[in-house]
Every structure is written in C-alpha cells, then in structure tokens.
N, C-alpha and C. Protein backbone atom coordinates (compact mmCIF):
# COMPACT_ATOMS: atom_id res chain seq x y z
N MET A 1 -21.72 6.06 16.90
CA MET A 1 -21.23 4.71 17.08
C MET A 1 -21.82 3.77 16.02
N ARG A 2 -23.08 3.98 15.71
CA ARG A 2 -23.74 3.15 14.71
C ARG A 2 -23.05 3.29 13.35
N ARG A 3 -22.68 4.53 13.01
CA ARG A 3 -22.00 4.79 11.72
C ARG A 3 -20.65 4.08 11.66
N ILE A 4 -19.92 4.08 12.76
CA ILE A 4 -18.62 3.41 12.81
C ILE A 4 -18.79 1.91 12.63
N LEU A 5 -19.77 1.33 13.29
CA LEU A 5 -20.03 -0.11 13.13
C LEU A 5 -20.45 -0.44 11.69
N TYR A 6 -21.23 0.44 11.09
CA TYR A 6 -21.64 0.23 9.70
C TYR A 6 -20.41 0.27 8.78
N LEU A 7 -19.51 1.23 8.98
CA LEU A 7 -18.29 1.31 8.16
C LEU A 7 -17.40 0.10 8.39
N LEU A 8 -17.31 -0.36 9.62
CA LEU A 8 -16.52 -1.55 9.91
C LEU A 8 -17.10 -2.78 9.20
N ALA A 9 -18.41 -2.91 9.24
CA ALA A 9 -19.06 -4.03 8.54
C ALA A 9 -18.82 -3.94 7.03
N GLU A 10 -18.96 -2.73 6.48
CA GLU A 10 -18.68 -2.53 5.05
C GLU A 10 -17.24 -2.90 4.72
N PHE A 11 -16.32 -2.48 5.57
CA PHE A 11 -14.91 -2.78 5.35
C PHE A 11 -14.68 -4.29 5.29
N ILE A 12 -15.24 -4.99 6.26
CA ILE A 12 -15.06 -6.45 6.32
C ILE A 12 -15.73 -7.13 5.14
N LEU A 13 -16.96 -6.72 4.81
CA LEU A 13 -17.69 -7.36 3.72
C LEU A 13 -17.06 -7.11 2.35
N LEU A 14 -16.36 -6.02 2.18
CA LEU A 14 -15.64 -5.78 0.92
C LEU A 14 -14.24 -6.41 0.93
N THR A 15 -13.60 -6.38 2.06
CA THR A 15 -12.23 -6.88 2.15
C THR A 15 -12.15 -8.39 1.91
N ILE A 16 -13.08 -9.13 2.45
CA ILE A 16 -13.01 -10.59 2.33
C ILE A 16 -13.08 -11.04 0.86
N PRO A 17 -14.08 -10.63 0.08
CA PRO A 17 -14.09 -11.09 -1.32
C PRO A 17 -12.95 -10.50 -2.16
N LEU A 18 -12.56 -9.26 -1.89
CA LEU A 18 -11.45 -8.68 -2.64
C LEU A 18 -10.12 -9.39 -2.32
N THR A 19 -9.93 -9.75 -1.07
CA THR A 19 -8.73 -10.50 -0.70
C THR A 19 -8.74 -11.86 -1.38
N TRP A 20 -9.88 -12.53 -1.38
CA TRP A 20 -9.98 -13.83 -2.04
C TRP A 20 -9.68 -13.68 -3.54
N ALA A 21 -10.26 -12.67 -4.18
CA ALA A 21 -10.02 -12.45 -5.62
C ALA A 21 -8.55 -12.12 -5.87
N TRP A 22 -7.95 -11.31 -5.00
CA TRP A 22 -6.54 -10.97 -5.16
C TRP A 22 -5.67 -12.23 -5.08
N LEU A 23 -5.93 -13.05 -4.06
CA LEU A 23 -5.12 -14.26 -3.89
C LEU A 23 -5.37 -15.27 -5.01
N ARG A 24 -6.57 -15.31 -5.50
CA ARG A 24 -6.94 -16.26 -6.55
C ARG A 24 -6.40 -15.86 -7.92
N TRP A 25 -6.56 -14.59 -8.30
CA TRP A 25 -6.20 -14.14 -9.64
C TRP A 25 -5.26 -12.94 -9.65
N GLY A 26 -5.51 -11.98 -8.81
CA GLY A 26 -4.81 -10.71 -8.87
C GLY A 26 -3.32 -10.80 -8.59
N SER A 27 -2.94 -11.60 -7.62
CA SER A 27 -1.54 -11.67 -7.21
C SER A 27 -0.64 -12.12 -8.35
N ASP A 28 -1.02 -13.18 -9.04
CA ASP A 28 -0.20 -13.67 -10.15
C ASP A 28 -0.15 -12.66 -11.29
N ALA A 29 -1.28 -12.06 -11.61
CA ALA A 29 -1.32 -11.07 -12.69
C ALA A 29 -0.47 -9.86 -12.32
N TYR A 30 -0.57 -9.41 -11.09
CA TYR A 30 0.19 -8.24 -10.64
C TYR A 30 1.69 -8.55 -10.62
N THR A 31 2.04 -9.74 -10.16
CA THR A 31 3.45 -10.13 -10.15
C THR A 31 4.01 -10.12 -11.56
N SER A 32 3.25 -10.62 -12.52
CA SER A 32 3.68 -10.59 -13.92
C SER A 32 3.87 -9.15 -14.40
N LEU A 33 2.93 -8.28 -14.04
CA LEU A 33 3.02 -6.88 -14.43
C LEU A 33 4.25 -6.21 -13.82
N ILE A 34 4.45 -6.41 -12.55
CA ILE A 34 5.57 -5.74 -11.88
C ILE A 34 6.90 -6.27 -12.40
N LEU A 35 6.97 -7.55 -12.71
CA LEU A 35 8.20 -8.10 -13.28
C LEU A 35 8.45 -7.57 -14.68
N ALA A 36 7.38 -7.33 -15.43
CA ALA A 36 7.52 -6.75 -16.77
C ALA A 36 8.09 -5.34 -16.69
N VAL A 37 7.83 -4.64 -15.60
CA VAL A 37 8.37 -3.30 -15.41
C VAL A 37 9.78 -3.37 -14.83
N ILE A 38 9.97 -4.27 -13.87
CA ILE A 38 11.24 -4.33 -13.17
C ILE A 38 12.38 -4.86 -14.05
N ASP A 39 12.12 -5.87 -14.85
CA ASP A 39 13.21 -6.45 -15.63
C ASP A 39 13.90 -5.42 -16.53
N PRO A 40 13.17 -4.61 -17.32
CA PRO A 40 13.87 -3.59 -18.11
C PRO A 40 14.52 -2.51 -17.23
N LEU A 41 13.88 -2.17 -16.12
CA LEU A 41 14.44 -1.18 -15.20
C LEU A 41 15.76 -1.68 -14.63
N TYR A 42 15.77 -2.93 -14.20
CA TYR A 42 16.99 -3.51 -13.66
C TYR A 42 18.08 -3.57 -14.71
N GLU A 43 17.70 -3.89 -15.93
CA GLU A 43 18.68 -3.94 -17.01
C GLU A 43 19.34 -2.57 -17.20
N MET A 44 18.53 -1.51 -17.14
CA MET A 44 19.07 -0.15 -17.26
C MET A 44 20.01 0.18 -16.10
N LEU A 45 19.67 -0.30 -14.90
CA LEU A 45 20.46 0.00 -13.70
C LEU A 45 21.62 -0.97 -13.50
N GLY A 46 21.67 -2.04 -14.28
CA GLY A 46 22.70 -3.05 -14.11
C GLY A 46 22.50 -3.87 -12.85
N ALA A 47 21.27 -4.01 -12.42
CA ALA A 47 20.95 -4.76 -11.19
C ALA A 47 20.47 -6.16 -11.55
N THR A 48 20.42 -7.01 -10.54
CA THR A 48 19.96 -8.39 -10.70
C THR A 48 18.74 -8.61 -9.83
N HIS A 49 17.73 -9.24 -10.42
CA HIS A 49 16.53 -9.57 -9.65
C HIS A 49 16.70 -10.97 -9.08
N VAL A 50 16.92 -11.06 -7.76
CA VAL A 50 17.20 -12.35 -7.12
C VAL A 50 15.95 -13.07 -6.66
N LYS A 51 14.82 -12.39 -6.63
CA LYS A 51 13.53 -12.99 -6.29
C LYS A 51 13.56 -13.75 -4.96
N ARG A 52 14.07 -13.08 -3.95
CA ARG A 52 14.07 -13.64 -2.60
C ARG A 52 13.55 -12.60 -1.63
N GLY A 53 13.27 -13.05 -0.46
CA GLY A 53 12.89 -12.11 0.59
C GLY A 53 11.39 -12.02 0.81
N PRO A 54 11.01 -11.38 1.90
CA PRO A 54 9.60 -11.29 2.30
C PRO A 54 8.88 -10.14 1.60
N THR A 55 8.77 -10.19 0.28
CA THR A 55 8.21 -9.05 -0.43
C THR A 55 6.91 -9.34 -1.16
N GLY A 56 6.80 -10.44 -1.85
CA GLY A 56 5.66 -10.70 -2.73
C GLY A 56 4.30 -10.62 -2.07
N HIS A 57 4.18 -11.15 -0.88
CA HIS A 57 2.87 -11.14 -0.22
C HIS A 57 2.46 -9.74 0.21
N ARG A 58 3.35 -8.79 0.17
CA ARG A 58 3.01 -7.40 0.53
C ARG A 58 2.28 -6.68 -0.60
N PHE A 59 2.24 -7.27 -1.77
CA PHE A 59 1.54 -6.65 -2.90
C PHE A 59 0.05 -6.52 -2.63
N ILE A 60 -0.46 -7.24 -1.67
CA ILE A 60 -1.90 -7.20 -1.35
C ILE A 60 -2.31 -5.85 -0.76
N SER A 61 -1.36 -4.98 -0.53
CA SER A 61 -1.66 -3.69 0.09
C SER A 61 -2.66 -2.85 -0.70
N TYR A 62 -2.91 -3.21 -1.94
CA TYR A 62 -3.94 -2.51 -2.71
C TYR A 62 -5.33 -2.72 -2.12
N VAL A 63 -5.57 -3.90 -1.58
CA VAL A 63 -6.92 -4.24 -1.11
C VAL A 63 -7.41 -3.28 -0.02
N PRO A 64 -6.67 -3.09 1.08
CA PRO A 64 -7.21 -2.17 2.10
C PRO A 64 -7.32 -0.74 1.59
N PHE A 65 -6.39 -0.30 0.75
CA PHE A 65 -6.47 1.05 0.22
C PHE A 65 -7.73 1.23 -0.62
N LEU A 66 -7.97 0.32 -1.53
CA LEU A 66 -9.15 0.44 -2.40
C LEU A 66 -10.45 0.36 -1.61
N VAL A 67 -10.49 -0.52 -0.62
CA VAL A 67 -11.70 -0.64 0.20
C VAL A 67 -11.92 0.64 1.00
N LEU A 68 -10.88 1.16 1.63
CA LEU A 68 -11.03 2.41 2.39
C LEU A 68 -11.48 3.56 1.49
N MET A 69 -10.92 3.65 0.30
CA MET A 69 -11.33 4.72 -0.62
C MET A 69 -12.77 4.54 -1.07
N ALA A 70 -13.21 3.31 -1.20
CA ALA A 70 -14.58 3.04 -1.66
C ALA A 70 -15.62 3.32 -0.58
N ILE A 71 -15.33 3.02 0.67
CA ILE A 71 -16.37 3.12 1.70
C ILE A 71 -16.37 4.43 2.47
N THR A 72 -15.31 5.20 2.39
CA THR A 72 -15.23 6.42 3.19
C THR A 72 -16.23 7.45 2.70
N PRO A 73 -17.12 7.89 3.57
CA PRO A 73 -18.09 8.90 3.17
C PRO A 73 -17.45 10.29 3.08
N ARG A 74 -18.12 11.16 2.40
CA ARG A 74 -17.76 12.58 2.31
C ARG A 74 -16.41 12.85 1.65
N ILE A 75 -15.94 11.92 0.81
CA ILE A 75 -14.79 12.25 -0.03
C ILE A 75 -15.39 12.73 -1.35
N PRO A 76 -15.07 13.94 -1.78
CA PRO A 76 -15.62 14.41 -3.05
C PRO A 76 -15.26 13.45 -4.19
N THR A 77 -16.17 13.29 -5.12
CA THR A 77 -15.99 12.32 -6.20
C THR A 77 -14.67 12.52 -6.93
N ARG A 78 -14.36 13.74 -7.24
CA ARG A 78 -13.11 14.02 -7.97
C ARG A 78 -11.89 13.56 -7.15
N ARG A 79 -11.86 13.87 -5.85
CA ARG A 79 -10.76 13.43 -5.00
C ARG A 79 -10.75 11.91 -4.88
N ARG A 80 -11.92 11.30 -4.79
CA ARG A 80 -12.00 9.84 -4.68
C ARG A 80 -11.37 9.18 -5.91
N ILE A 81 -11.74 9.66 -7.10
CA ILE A 81 -11.24 9.05 -8.34
C ILE A 81 -9.75 9.33 -8.52
N TRP A 82 -9.38 10.63 -8.52
CA TRP A 82 -7.98 10.97 -8.75
C TRP A 82 -7.10 10.50 -7.60
N GLY A 83 -7.61 10.54 -6.39
CA GLY A 83 -6.83 10.06 -5.24
C GLY A 83 -6.59 8.56 -5.31
N THR A 84 -7.61 7.83 -5.75
CA THR A 84 -7.45 6.38 -5.89
C THR A 84 -6.42 6.07 -6.97
N LEU A 85 -6.50 6.74 -8.10
CA LEU A 85 -5.53 6.52 -9.18
C LEU A 85 -4.12 6.91 -8.73
N PHE A 86 -4.01 8.05 -8.04
CA PHE A 86 -2.72 8.48 -7.52
C PHE A 86 -2.19 7.46 -6.52
N GLY A 87 -3.05 6.98 -5.63
CA GLY A 87 -2.65 6.00 -4.63
C GLY A 87 -2.17 4.70 -5.26
N ILE A 88 -2.85 4.25 -6.30
CA ILE A 88 -2.44 3.04 -7.01
C ILE A 88 -1.04 3.23 -7.59
N LEU A 89 -0.80 4.38 -8.18
CA LEU A 89 0.52 4.67 -8.76
C LEU A 89 1.59 4.72 -7.67
N VAL A 90 1.31 5.39 -6.57
CA VAL A 90 2.29 5.49 -5.47
C VAL A 90 2.57 4.11 -4.88
N ILE A 91 1.54 3.31 -4.68
CA ILE A 91 1.74 1.96 -4.14
C ILE A 91 2.56 1.11 -5.11
N PHE A 92 2.27 1.23 -6.41
CA PHE A 92 3.03 0.49 -7.41
C PHE A 92 4.51 0.89 -7.34
N CYS A 93 4.78 2.18 -7.30
CA CYS A 93 6.17 2.66 -7.21
C CYS A 93 6.84 2.18 -5.93
N SER A 94 6.08 2.13 -4.84
CA SER A 94 6.67 1.64 -3.58
C SER A 94 7.00 0.15 -3.69
N HIS A 95 6.18 -0.61 -4.42
CA HIS A 95 6.47 -2.03 -4.61
C HIS A 95 7.74 -2.21 -5.45
N VAL A 96 7.88 -1.41 -6.49
CA VAL A 96 9.08 -1.48 -7.32
C VAL A 96 10.30 -1.13 -6.47
N GLY A 97 10.20 -0.06 -5.71
CA GLY A 97 11.30 0.33 -4.83
C GLY A 97 11.63 -0.71 -3.79
N MET A 98 10.60 -1.30 -3.20
CA MET A 98 10.80 -2.33 -2.19
C MET A 98 11.53 -3.53 -2.79
N LEU A 99 11.12 -3.94 -4.00
CA LEU A 99 11.78 -5.08 -4.64
C LEU A 99 13.24 -4.76 -4.95
N TYR A 100 13.48 -3.54 -5.39
CA TYR A 100 14.86 -3.15 -5.68
C TYR A 100 15.71 -3.21 -4.41
N VAL A 101 15.20 -2.65 -3.33
CA VAL A 101 15.95 -2.67 -2.06
C VAL A 101 16.13 -4.11 -1.58
N ALA A 102 15.11 -4.93 -1.72
CA ALA A 102 15.21 -6.34 -1.31
C ALA A 102 16.27 -7.07 -2.13
N ASP A 103 16.26 -6.83 -3.42
CA ASP A 103 17.24 -7.49 -4.28
C ASP A 103 18.66 -7.06 -3.94
N ARG A 104 18.83 -5.77 -3.69
CA ARG A 104 20.16 -5.27 -3.31
C ARG A 104 20.59 -5.86 -1.97
N ALA A 105 19.68 -5.91 -1.01
CA ALA A 105 20.01 -6.43 0.31
C ALA A 105 20.37 -7.91 0.24
N TYR A 106 19.59 -8.70 -0.50
CA TYR A 106 19.85 -10.14 -0.57
C TYR A 106 21.05 -10.46 -1.46
N THR A 107 21.36 -9.60 -2.41
CA THR A 107 22.56 -9.79 -3.21
C THR A 107 23.79 -9.49 -2.36
N GLU A 108 23.69 -8.47 -1.55
CA GLU A 108 24.82 -8.04 -0.72
C GLU A 108 25.04 -8.95 0.49
N HIS A 109 23.94 -9.42 1.10
CA HIS A 109 24.05 -10.14 2.37
C HIS A 109 23.60 -11.59 2.30
N GLU A 110 23.26 -12.09 1.13
CA GLU A 110 22.75 -13.46 0.96
C GLU A 110 21.53 -13.67 1.85
N ASN A 111 21.51 -14.74 2.63
CA ASN A 111 20.32 -15.05 3.42
C ASN A 111 20.50 -14.80 4.92
N ASP A 112 21.43 -13.96 5.28
CA ASP A 112 21.61 -13.72 6.71
C ASP A 112 20.68 -12.61 7.21
N GLY A 113 20.69 -12.38 8.48
CA GLY A 113 19.80 -11.40 9.09
C GLY A 113 20.06 -9.97 8.66
N ALA A 114 21.26 -9.69 8.16
CA ALA A 114 21.58 -8.33 7.73
C ALA A 114 20.71 -7.90 6.55
N ALA A 115 20.36 -8.84 5.69
CA ALA A 115 19.49 -8.51 4.55
C ALA A 115 18.12 -8.07 5.05
N VAL A 116 17.56 -8.81 5.99
CA VAL A 116 16.25 -8.46 6.54
C VAL A 116 16.33 -7.15 7.31
N ALA A 117 17.41 -6.94 8.04
CA ALA A 117 17.57 -5.69 8.80
C ALA A 117 17.64 -4.49 7.85
N GLN A 118 18.31 -4.65 6.73
CA GLN A 118 18.41 -3.56 5.75
C GLN A 118 17.06 -3.31 5.08
N LEU A 119 16.31 -4.36 4.87
CA LEU A 119 15.02 -4.27 4.18
C LEU A 119 13.88 -3.82 5.09
N PHE A 120 13.97 -4.10 6.37
CA PHE A 120 12.87 -3.90 7.31
C PHE A 120 12.24 -2.51 7.26
N PRO A 121 13.01 -1.41 7.28
CA PRO A 121 12.36 -0.09 7.23
C PRO A 121 11.51 0.11 5.97
N PHE A 122 11.96 -0.41 4.85
CA PHE A 122 11.21 -0.28 3.60
C PHE A 122 9.93 -1.11 3.64
N LEU A 123 9.99 -2.27 4.31
CA LEU A 123 8.78 -3.08 4.46
C LEU A 123 7.75 -2.35 5.31
N LEU A 124 8.19 -1.69 6.37
CA LEU A 124 7.27 -0.93 7.23
C LEU A 124 6.59 0.19 6.45
N VAL A 125 7.36 0.92 5.67
CA VAL A 125 6.79 2.01 4.88
C VAL A 125 5.81 1.46 3.86
N THR A 126 6.19 0.41 3.16
CA THR A 126 5.32 -0.18 2.15
C THR A 126 4.02 -0.71 2.77
N ASP A 127 4.12 -1.33 3.93
CA ASP A 127 2.93 -1.85 4.60
C ASP A 127 2.02 -0.73 5.09
N GLY A 128 2.60 0.37 5.54
CA GLY A 128 1.80 1.48 6.07
C GLY A 128 1.32 2.46 5.02
N LEU A 129 1.87 2.38 3.83
CA LEU A 129 1.55 3.36 2.79
C LEU A 129 0.06 3.45 2.44
N PRO A 130 -0.67 2.34 2.31
CA PRO A 130 -2.11 2.48 2.00
C PRO A 130 -2.86 3.30 3.05
N LEU A 131 -2.53 3.09 4.31
CA LEU A 131 -3.19 3.84 5.37
C LEU A 131 -2.76 5.30 5.36
N MET A 132 -1.48 5.56 5.13
CA MET A 132 -1.01 6.94 5.07
C MET A 132 -1.67 7.69 3.91
N LEU A 133 -1.76 7.05 2.76
CA LEU A 133 -2.42 7.68 1.61
C LEU A 133 -3.88 7.98 1.94
N TRP A 134 -4.55 7.02 2.56
CA TRP A 134 -5.96 7.20 2.91
C TRP A 134 -6.13 8.35 3.90
N PHE A 135 -5.22 8.46 4.88
CA PHE A 135 -5.28 9.58 5.84
C PHE A 135 -5.28 10.91 5.11
N VAL A 136 -4.44 11.04 4.11
CA VAL A 136 -4.34 12.29 3.37
C VAL A 136 -5.59 12.52 2.52
N LEU A 137 -6.02 11.49 1.82
CA LEU A 137 -7.14 11.63 0.88
C LEU A 137 -8.49 11.73 1.59
N ALA A 138 -8.59 11.17 2.78
CA ALA A 138 -9.86 11.19 3.53
C ALA A 138 -9.81 12.18 4.69
N ARG A 139 -8.96 13.18 4.58
CA ARG A 139 -8.75 14.09 5.71
C ARG A 139 -10.03 14.80 6.16
N ASP A 140 -10.91 15.17 5.23
CA ASP A 140 -12.15 15.85 5.63
C ASP A 140 -13.04 14.93 6.46
N PHE A 141 -13.15 13.69 6.04
CA PHE A 141 -13.94 12.72 6.80
C PHE A 141 -13.30 12.50 8.17
N LEU A 142 -12.00 12.34 8.21
CA LEU A 142 -11.32 12.08 9.47
C LEU A 142 -11.46 13.25 10.45
N ARG A 143 -11.42 14.47 9.93
CA ARG A 143 -11.61 15.64 10.80
C ARG A 143 -12.99 15.65 11.42
N SER A 144 -13.99 15.20 10.67
CA SER A 144 -15.34 15.19 11.22
C SER A 144 -15.57 13.98 12.13
N ALA A 145 -14.89 12.87 11.85
CA ALA A 145 -15.10 11.65 12.63
C ALA A 145 -14.29 11.62 13.92
N VAL A 146 -13.13 12.26 13.91
CA VAL A 146 -12.25 12.26 15.08
C VAL A 146 -12.18 13.70 15.60
N PRO A 147 -12.89 14.01 16.66
CA PRO A 147 -13.00 15.38 17.13
C PRO A 147 -11.67 16.10 17.36
N GLY A 148 -10.67 15.42 17.86
CA GLY A 148 -9.40 16.06 18.14
C GLY A 148 -8.66 16.55 16.91
N LEU A 149 -8.99 15.99 15.74
CA LEU A 149 -8.30 16.41 14.51
C LEU A 149 -8.77 17.76 14.00
N ARG A 150 -9.95 18.16 14.38
CA ARG A 150 -10.46 19.43 13.86
C ARG A 150 -10.14 20.62 14.75
N GLU A 151 -9.60 20.34 15.92
CA GLU A 151 -9.25 21.41 16.84
C GLU A 151 -7.96 22.07 16.41
N LYS A 152 -7.91 23.37 16.56
CA LYS A 152 -6.69 24.10 16.28
C LYS A 152 -5.81 24.04 17.53
N PRO A 153 -4.48 23.97 17.33
CA PRO A 153 -3.61 23.94 18.51
C PRO A 153 -3.73 25.24 19.29
N PRO A 154 -3.59 25.16 20.59
CA PRO A 154 -3.70 26.38 21.40
C PRO A 154 -2.58 27.35 21.05
N SER A 155 -2.93 28.61 20.98
CA SER A 155 -1.92 29.63 20.66
C SER A 155 -1.18 30.01 21.94
N GLU A 156 0.04 30.39 21.76
CA GLU A 156 0.86 30.72 22.93
C GLU A 156 0.70 32.13 23.34
C-alpha cells in the first residue's frame, strides 16, 4: 500500500508541473508542429482543415503517458526508452487521425450533433490511448502489482 501511495504522489508531483508547462508552452508549439504535418497531408488527400471541434485540448494526452512511463518501476531501460518513443509516435499519429476525422465530420455535418456523434468514438480511443500504451509497455510491473493479472486461466 505504501508503494502505491508513493507512486500516486510521484504521479501528481510530476503531472502538475508538466501540465502547466504543456499549457504554457507545449500546446502552441505542438499545434504548430501538427499543423505543419497536416497541411501537406491534407493537400495530398484533397481534404480541408476546418479547425473546429473538440480536438485541440486532447493533445495533452502526452503528459499522462510520459509521467506513467517515467515513474513505473521495473520497466527495463530499453523498453522504457523505445516504448516511450514508440508511444509518442503512436499518440502523434492518433492526433493526426483524430483531426482528419474531425475535419471530415464537421465538413460533412457542419455544427450539428451528427458531427460530434461521428467523432465521438475516435475521441474515446485518442483519450484512452496513453493508458492502453502504458498497459502494454508496463505489463511486467502490472502483473506484479495486480495479483489477478499473473494468474493463468483455469484449464478446462
């Protein structure tokens, strides 16, 4: 129990300043980066970037992923480094995909509820992706921390 409280405290103490830094500087820089990638991509696809919808504030999903990767014990160094880099790439691709789906939905449906309904599943996946990536990359730690995960299913 003490170890869990320590990890929770570490999570909070890292998340607060990283969130502040992201909101202060990172968000604008990242938005510029993603637009630099999206604009030529959209040009190739013949799509239009309408810049609407509930998407931009979801870019902060890097913060919990990076904090979880930094504080989780017993992740081998190689997996921690390569997993973090892989996770950053996957999250970036999910943001590009989410923006594309949002632009298509808002172009097709304007500002009605159908656009949000079409976009909603992609928002859920994008929001949950940092945790899903961490589950995979921290599987050894999770098996040791959560007793039920290390048990083999009963054979029939």
